Structure formats: structure tokens, C-alpha cells
Amino acid sequence: MTKRIADLTCPKCQEAIQVPFDAADPPTLAEITSSLQEALKGQPGTEEIQKIIEGLKPQTEDHRHKTADEFFSCPECLSWVEKTGPGYQVSPKAPEKEAETPEPAVGSIFSQESQKHR
């Protein structure tokens, strides 16, 4: 313990007064270190925490199928289709229209005959 003196002002008479008090000495670095080590005793270390985190990550293996038969014979993928399938509608693709040649503008310098030979 260390004796300290606080400089205060009296609220009644507004005079400066000094009040002595005992203050605890601040802890040393060794005391802080030993307290932390004691508090962390039995707790996992950084490497152990990293291993735990790695264990919690989902395992990502390559789950691809080469054919639709393989896809639908896989129980995991089939259940995924059954869950998500009702939200989608499958419809046939509309046939693409052939590109039409534009009609020449009125008064064009090209005749109808030359347009057909393209």
C-alpha cells in the first residue's frame, strides 16, 4: 500500500484541502501474467481451438454426377429435387424464329430481283 494525497476543494467553504488516502500498488507484470495463466488453466489453446473450428466446418466433397441417371439415383440429390422442385415449372423451349430479311425501303436503289439473289 502506498500513501497518496488527493487535492480537493471543500464544497462549503471552497478552500483547497489535501486528503491523505492509502492506494494499492499497481500489479506487476509477473502478477498479471500469473493471474492470466491461472485463469486460462485447463482452457484449450490456440491450436486446439483451430482444430475445433476446422471440425465444425461442413465437409465439402465434390458431389457431381455425370449423367441425369446418376443424379436421380443419388438419394441426397433426389431429396433435394423433391424439396426444391415444386418451386419451379418446367416448360418446353419455344422454337427460335428464322431471321427474316427486311423489306427494302420504298424507293430503294436495289430492285426486288437483287434482294432475292443474296
N, C-alpha and C. Protein backbone atom coordinates (compact mmCIF):
# COMPACT_ATOMS: atom_id res chain seq x y z
N MET A 1 0.84 -1.17 0.00
CA MET A 1 0.00 0.00 0.00
C MET A 1 0.88 1.24 0.00
N THR A 2 0.44 2.22 -0.75
CA THR A 2 1.17 3.47 -0.86
C THR A 2 0.28 4.60 -0.35
N LYS A 3 0.87 5.52 0.43
CA LYS A 3 0.15 6.70 0.90
C LYS A 3 0.08 7.71 -0.24
N ARG A 4 -1.10 8.20 -0.54
CA ARG A 4 -1.28 9.20 -1.58
C ARG A 4 -2.07 10.37 -0.99
N ILE A 5 -2.01 11.49 -1.66
CA ILE A 5 -2.73 12.69 -1.21
C ILE A 5 -3.58 13.20 -2.36
N ALA A 6 -4.87 13.40 -2.09
CA ALA A 6 -5.78 13.93 -3.10
C ALA A 6 -6.00 15.41 -2.83
N ASP A 7 -5.86 16.23 -3.87
CA ASP A 7 -6.14 17.66 -3.76
C ASP A 7 -7.61 17.88 -4.11
N LEU A 8 -8.38 18.34 -3.13
CA LEU A 8 -9.81 18.55 -3.31
C LEU A 8 -10.19 19.97 -2.92
N THR A 9 -11.39 20.38 -3.30
CA THR A 9 -11.94 21.68 -2.91
C THR A 9 -13.14 21.42 -2.03
N CYS A 10 -13.20 22.09 -0.88
CA CYS A 10 -14.30 21.93 0.06
C CYS A 10 -15.57 22.51 -0.57
N PRO A 11 -16.66 21.74 -0.61
CA PRO A 11 -17.88 22.25 -1.24
C PRO A 11 -18.54 23.39 -0.45
N LYS A 12 -18.29 23.48 0.86
CA LYS A 12 -18.92 24.53 1.67
C LYS A 12 -18.11 25.83 1.64
N CYS A 13 -16.83 25.74 1.96
CA CYS A 13 -16.03 26.97 2.07
C CYS A 13 -15.18 27.25 0.84
N GLN A 14 -15.17 26.36 -0.12
CA GLN A 14 -14.40 26.49 -1.36
C GLN A 14 -12.90 26.61 -1.14
N GLU A 15 -12.40 26.08 -0.04
CA GLU A 15 -10.96 26.08 0.24
C GLU A 15 -10.35 24.80 -0.31
N ALA A 16 -9.11 24.89 -0.75
CA ALA A 16 -8.38 23.72 -1.22
C ALA A 16 -7.92 22.93 -0.01
N ILE A 17 -8.18 21.66 -0.02
CA ILE A 17 -7.75 20.80 1.08
C ILE A 17 -7.03 19.60 0.51
N GLN A 18 -6.19 18.98 1.29
CA GLN A 18 -5.49 17.77 0.89
C GLN A 18 -5.95 16.63 1.79
N VAL A 19 -6.40 15.54 1.14
CA VAL A 19 -6.90 14.40 1.90
C VAL A 19 -5.97 13.22 1.64
N PRO A 20 -5.31 12.69 2.70
CA PRO A 20 -4.45 11.53 2.51
C PRO A 20 -5.29 10.25 2.41
N PHE A 21 -4.84 9.33 1.58
CA PHE A 21 -5.52 8.03 1.46
C PHE A 21 -4.50 6.98 1.08
N ASP A 22 -4.85 5.73 1.38
CA ASP A 22 -3.99 4.60 1.04
C ASP A 22 -4.44 4.04 -0.31
N ALA A 23 -3.51 3.83 -1.21
CA ALA A 23 -3.80 3.27 -2.53
C ALA A 23 -3.00 1.99 -2.69
N ALA A 24 -3.65 1.01 -3.29
CA ALA A 24 -2.96 -0.25 -3.54
C ALA A 24 -1.95 -0.05 -4.64
N ASP A 25 -0.83 -0.71 -4.50
CA ASP A 25 0.19 -0.64 -5.54
C ASP A 25 -0.32 -1.34 -6.79
N PRO A 26 -0.03 -0.81 -7.97
CA PRO A 26 -0.47 -1.49 -9.19
C PRO A 26 0.22 -2.85 -9.30
N PRO A 27 -0.44 -3.83 -9.89
CA PRO A 27 0.17 -5.15 -10.00
C PRO A 27 1.35 -5.12 -10.96
N THR A 28 2.30 -5.98 -10.68
CA THR A 28 3.46 -6.09 -11.56
C THR A 28 3.11 -6.95 -12.76
N LEU A 29 3.98 -6.92 -13.76
CA LEU A 29 3.76 -7.72 -14.97
C LEU A 29 3.75 -9.20 -14.62
N ALA A 30 4.59 -9.62 -13.70
CA ALA A 30 4.64 -11.03 -13.30
C ALA A 30 3.33 -11.44 -12.63
N GLU A 31 2.76 -10.55 -11.80
CA GLU A 31 1.49 -10.86 -11.15
C GLU A 31 0.35 -10.96 -12.17
N ILE A 32 0.35 -10.07 -13.14
CA ILE A 32 -0.69 -10.10 -14.19
C ILE A 32 -0.57 -11.39 -15.01
N THR A 33 0.66 -11.73 -15.37
CA THR A 33 0.89 -12.94 -16.18
C THR A 33 0.46 -14.18 -15.43
N SER A 34 0.83 -14.29 -14.16
CA SER A 34 0.46 -15.48 -13.40
C SER A 34 -1.05 -15.55 -13.19
N SER A 35 -1.71 -14.40 -13.01
CA SER A 35 -3.17 -14.39 -12.87
C SER A 35 -3.85 -14.86 -14.15
N LEU A 36 -3.36 -14.40 -15.31
CA LEU A 36 -3.92 -14.84 -16.59
C LEU A 36 -3.69 -16.32 -16.82
N GLN A 37 -2.50 -16.80 -16.50
CA GLN A 37 -2.20 -18.21 -16.68
C GLN A 37 -3.10 -19.06 -15.79
N GLU A 38 -3.35 -18.62 -14.59
CA GLU A 38 -4.22 -19.35 -13.67
C GLU A 38 -5.66 -19.36 -14.19
N ALA A 39 -6.11 -18.22 -14.72
CA ALA A 39 -7.47 -18.13 -15.24
C ALA A 39 -7.66 -18.99 -16.48
N LEU A 40 -6.62 -19.11 -17.30
CA LEU A 40 -6.72 -19.88 -18.54
C LEU A 40 -6.34 -21.34 -18.38
N LYS A 41 -5.99 -21.73 -17.18
CA LYS A 41 -5.56 -23.11 -16.93
C LYS A 41 -6.71 -24.06 -17.27
N GLY A 42 -6.41 -25.06 -18.04
CA GLY A 42 -7.43 -26.03 -18.43
C GLY A 42 -8.23 -25.62 -19.66
N GLN A 43 -8.05 -24.40 -20.16
CA GLN A 43 -8.77 -23.95 -21.35
C GLN A 43 -7.98 -24.38 -22.59
N PRO A 44 -8.68 -24.60 -23.71
CA PRO A 44 -7.97 -25.01 -24.93
C PRO A 44 -7.07 -23.89 -25.45
N GLY A 45 -5.95 -24.28 -26.04
CA GLY A 45 -5.01 -23.32 -26.62
C GLY A 45 -5.42 -22.94 -28.03
N THR A 46 -4.63 -22.10 -28.65
CA THR A 46 -4.93 -21.60 -29.99
C THR A 46 -5.01 -22.74 -31.01
N GLU A 47 -4.06 -23.67 -30.94
CA GLU A 47 -4.05 -24.79 -31.89
C GLU A 47 -5.27 -25.68 -31.70
N GLU A 48 -5.63 -25.92 -30.44
CA GLU A 48 -6.79 -26.76 -30.17
C GLU A 48 -8.08 -26.09 -30.63
N ILE A 49 -8.17 -24.77 -30.45
CA ILE A 49 -9.35 -24.04 -30.92
C ILE A 49 -9.44 -24.09 -32.44
N GLN A 50 -8.30 -23.97 -33.13
CA GLN A 50 -8.28 -24.05 -34.59
C GLN A 50 -8.76 -25.42 -35.06
N LYS A 51 -8.35 -26.48 -34.37
CA LYS A 51 -8.80 -27.84 -34.73
C LYS A 51 -10.30 -27.97 -34.53
N ILE A 52 -10.82 -27.39 -33.45
CA ILE A 52 -12.26 -27.45 -33.19
C ILE A 52 -13.03 -26.72 -34.30
N ILE A 53 -12.53 -25.56 -34.71
CA ILE A 53 -13.19 -24.78 -35.77
C ILE A 53 -13.16 -25.57 -37.08
N GLU A 54 -12.04 -26.18 -37.39
CA GLU A 54 -11.95 -26.98 -38.62
C GLU A 54 -12.93 -28.14 -38.58
N GLY A 55 -13.12 -28.72 -37.40
CA GLY A 55 -14.07 -29.82 -37.26
C GLY A 55 -15.51 -29.39 -37.43
N LEU A 56 -15.82 -28.13 -37.15
CA LEU A 56 -17.18 -27.63 -37.28
C LEU A 56 -17.54 -27.25 -38.70
N LYS A 57 -16.54 -27.01 -39.56
CA LYS A 57 -16.81 -26.64 -40.94
C LYS A 57 -17.43 -27.83 -41.67
N PRO A 58 -18.42 -27.57 -42.52
CA PRO A 58 -19.01 -28.68 -43.27
C PRO A 58 -17.98 -29.26 -44.25
N GLN A 59 -18.02 -30.55 -44.38
CA GLN A 59 -17.11 -31.22 -45.30
C GLN A 59 -17.60 -30.98 -46.72
N THR A 60 -16.77 -30.40 -47.54
CA THR A 60 -17.15 -30.09 -48.92
C THR A 60 -16.42 -31.05 -49.86
N GLU A 61 -17.12 -32.10 -50.20
CA GLU A 61 -16.55 -33.03 -51.17
C GLU A 61 -17.19 -32.75 -52.52
N ASP A 62 -16.54 -33.15 -53.57
CA ASP A 62 -17.04 -32.91 -54.91
C ASP A 62 -18.21 -33.87 -55.15
N HIS A 63 -19.41 -33.33 -55.17
CA HIS A 63 -20.61 -34.15 -55.32
C HIS A 63 -21.26 -33.84 -56.66
N ARG A 64 -20.63 -34.31 -57.71
CA ARG A 64 -21.14 -34.07 -59.05
C ARG A 64 -21.50 -35.39 -59.70
N HIS A 65 -22.48 -35.34 -60.57
CA HIS A 65 -22.90 -36.52 -61.32
C HIS A 65 -22.70 -36.25 -62.80
N LYS A 66 -22.27 -37.28 -63.52
CA LYS A 66 -22.00 -37.10 -64.95
C LYS A 66 -23.26 -37.24 -65.80
N THR A 67 -24.25 -37.97 -65.31
CA THR A 67 -25.48 -38.16 -66.09
C THR A 67 -26.69 -37.87 -65.22
N ALA A 68 -27.81 -37.69 -65.87
CA ALA A 68 -29.06 -37.47 -65.12
C ALA A 68 -29.45 -38.71 -64.35
N ASP A 69 -29.15 -39.90 -64.90
CA ASP A 69 -29.47 -41.15 -64.20
C ASP A 69 -28.70 -41.22 -62.87
N GLU A 70 -27.43 -40.87 -62.90
CA GLU A 70 -26.64 -40.85 -61.66
C GLU A 70 -27.22 -39.84 -60.68
N PHE A 71 -27.63 -38.68 -61.19
CA PHE A 71 -28.17 -37.62 -60.35
C PHE A 71 -29.44 -38.08 -59.63
N PHE A 72 -30.36 -38.70 -60.40
CA PHE A 72 -31.63 -39.10 -59.79
C PHE A 72 -31.52 -40.40 -59.00
N SER A 73 -30.45 -41.16 -59.17
CA SER A 73 -30.28 -42.36 -58.35
C SER A 73 -29.58 -42.05 -57.03
N CYS A 74 -29.04 -40.84 -56.91
CA CYS A 74 -28.40 -40.42 -55.66
C CYS A 74 -29.49 -40.00 -54.68
N PRO A 75 -29.59 -40.63 -53.48
CA PRO A 75 -30.65 -40.28 -52.55
C PRO A 75 -30.60 -38.82 -52.07
N GLU A 76 -29.39 -38.29 -51.89
CA GLU A 76 -29.25 -36.91 -51.44
C GLU A 76 -29.76 -35.94 -52.49
N CYS A 77 -29.38 -36.15 -53.75
CA CYS A 77 -29.81 -35.25 -54.83
C CYS A 77 -31.30 -35.40 -55.11
N LEU A 78 -31.82 -36.62 -55.02
CA LEU A 78 -33.23 -36.84 -55.25
C LEU A 78 -34.07 -36.14 -54.18
N SER A 79 -33.64 -36.17 -52.93
CA SER A 79 -34.38 -35.46 -51.88
C SER A 79 -34.30 -33.95 -52.10
N TRP A 80 -33.17 -33.46 -52.62
CA TRP A 80 -33.05 -32.04 -52.92
C TRP A 80 -34.05 -31.64 -54.00
N VAL A 81 -34.19 -32.47 -55.04
CA VAL A 81 -35.13 -32.20 -56.13
C VAL A 81 -36.56 -32.21 -55.59
N GLU A 82 -36.87 -33.17 -54.71
CA GLU A 82 -38.22 -33.24 -54.16
C GLU A 82 -38.54 -32.03 -53.30
N LYS A 83 -37.55 -31.48 -52.61
CA LYS A 83 -37.78 -30.30 -51.77
C LYS A 83 -37.89 -29.03 -52.60
N THR A 84 -37.01 -28.86 -53.57
CA THR A 84 -36.96 -27.61 -54.32
C THR A 84 -37.77 -27.65 -55.61
N GLY A 85 -38.10 -28.83 -56.08
CA GLY A 85 -38.79 -28.98 -57.36
C GLY A 85 -40.13 -28.29 -57.44
N PRO A 86 -40.98 -28.35 -56.40
CA PRO A 86 -42.29 -27.70 -56.53
C PRO A 86 -42.22 -26.19 -56.76
N GLY A 87 -41.12 -25.56 -56.47
CA GLY A 87 -40.98 -24.12 -56.68
C GLY A 87 -40.68 -23.75 -58.12
N TYR A 88 -40.43 -24.72 -58.97
CA TYR A 88 -40.06 -24.45 -60.36
C TYR A 88 -41.04 -25.12 -61.31
N GLN A 89 -41.19 -24.53 -62.49
CA GLN A 89 -42.05 -25.09 -63.51
C GLN A 89 -41.20 -25.33 -64.75
N VAL A 90 -41.29 -26.53 -65.29
CA VAL A 90 -40.52 -26.87 -66.48
C VAL A 90 -41.46 -26.76 -67.67
N SER A 91 -41.03 -26.01 -68.68
CA SER A 91 -41.84 -25.86 -69.88
C SER A 91 -40.93 -26.03 -71.08
N PRO A 92 -41.51 -26.49 -72.20
CA PRO A 92 -40.68 -26.68 -73.40
C PRO A 92 -40.17 -25.34 -73.93
N LYS A 93 -39.00 -25.41 -74.52
CA LYS A 93 -38.39 -24.21 -75.05
C LYS A 93 -39.09 -23.82 -76.35
N ALA A 94 -39.40 -22.55 -76.51
CA ALA A 94 -40.06 -22.07 -77.71
C ALA A 94 -39.09 -22.12 -78.87
N PRO A 95 -39.56 -22.59 -80.05
CA PRO A 95 -38.65 -22.65 -81.20
C PRO A 95 -38.21 -21.25 -81.62
N GLU A 96 -36.97 -21.18 -82.03
CA GLU A 96 -36.44 -19.88 -82.45
C GLU A 96 -36.95 -19.55 -83.85
N LYS A 97 -37.28 -18.29 -84.05
CA LYS A 97 -37.75 -17.84 -85.37
C LYS A 97 -36.53 -17.63 -86.26
N GLU A 98 -36.74 -17.94 -87.56
CA GLU A 98 -35.65 -17.70 -88.51
C GLU A 98 -35.54 -16.20 -88.75
N ALA A 99 -34.34 -15.78 -88.95
CA ALA A 99 -34.12 -14.35 -89.20
C ALA A 99 -34.75 -13.96 -90.53
N GLU A 100 -35.61 -12.99 -90.48
CA GLU A 100 -36.29 -12.53 -91.70
C GLU A 100 -35.47 -11.43 -92.35
N THR A 101 -35.47 -11.45 -93.68
CA THR A 101 -34.77 -10.38 -94.38
C THR A 101 -35.71 -9.17 -94.41
N PRO A 102 -35.20 -8.04 -94.11
CA PRO A 102 -36.06 -6.86 -94.09
C PRO A 102 -36.48 -6.46 -95.50
N GLU A 103 -37.68 -5.95 -95.58
CA GLU A 103 -38.19 -5.46 -96.87
C GLU A 103 -37.42 -4.19 -97.21
N PRO A 104 -37.07 -4.02 -98.49
CA PRO A 104 -36.37 -2.79 -98.85
C PRO A 104 -37.29 -1.59 -98.66
N ALA A 105 -36.71 -0.51 -98.33
CA ALA A 105 -37.49 0.72 -98.13
C ALA A 105 -38.07 1.19 -99.45
N VAL A 106 -39.14 1.89 -99.37
CA VAL A 106 -39.79 2.41 -100.57
C VAL A 106 -38.82 3.34 -101.27
N GLY A 107 -38.67 3.12 -102.55
CA GLY A 107 -37.77 3.95 -103.32
C GLY A 107 -36.33 3.51 -103.17
N SER A 108 -36.10 2.25 -102.82
CA SER A 108 -34.75 1.77 -102.62
C SER A 108 -34.03 1.69 -103.95
N ILE A 109 -32.73 1.82 -103.93
CA ILE A 109 -31.97 1.74 -105.17
C ILE A 109 -31.77 0.29 -105.59
N PHE A 110 -32.09 -0.64 -104.68
CA PHE A 110 -31.97 -2.05 -105.02
C PHE A 110 -33.32 -2.56 -105.49
N SER A 111 -33.29 -3.37 -106.51
CA SER A 111 -34.54 -3.91 -107.02
C SER A 111 -34.91 -5.17 -106.23
N GLN A 112 -36.14 -5.59 -106.40
CA GLN A 112 -36.60 -6.80 -105.72
C GLN A 112 -35.82 -8.01 -106.21
N GLU A 113 -35.41 -8.01 -107.44
CA GLU A 113 -34.67 -9.13 -108.02
C GLU A 113 -33.31 -9.29 -107.34
N SER A 114 -32.61 -8.19 -107.08
CA SER A 114 -31.28 -8.28 -106.49
C SER A 114 -31.37 -8.71 -105.01
N GLN A 115 -32.48 -8.42 -104.37
CA GLN A 115 -32.66 -8.83 -102.95
C GLN A 115 -32.84 -10.34 -102.88
N LYS A 116 -33.48 -10.94 -103.85
CA LYS A 116 -33.71 -12.38 -103.81
C LYS A 116 -32.44 -13.17 -104.04
N HIS A 117 -31.44 -12.60 -104.70
CA HIS A 117 -30.22 -13.34 -105.04
C HIS A 117 -29.19 -13.31 -103.92
N ARG A 118 -29.46 -12.72 -102.82
CA ARG A 118 -28.49 -12.66 -101.73
C ARG A 118 -28.23 -13.95 -101.11
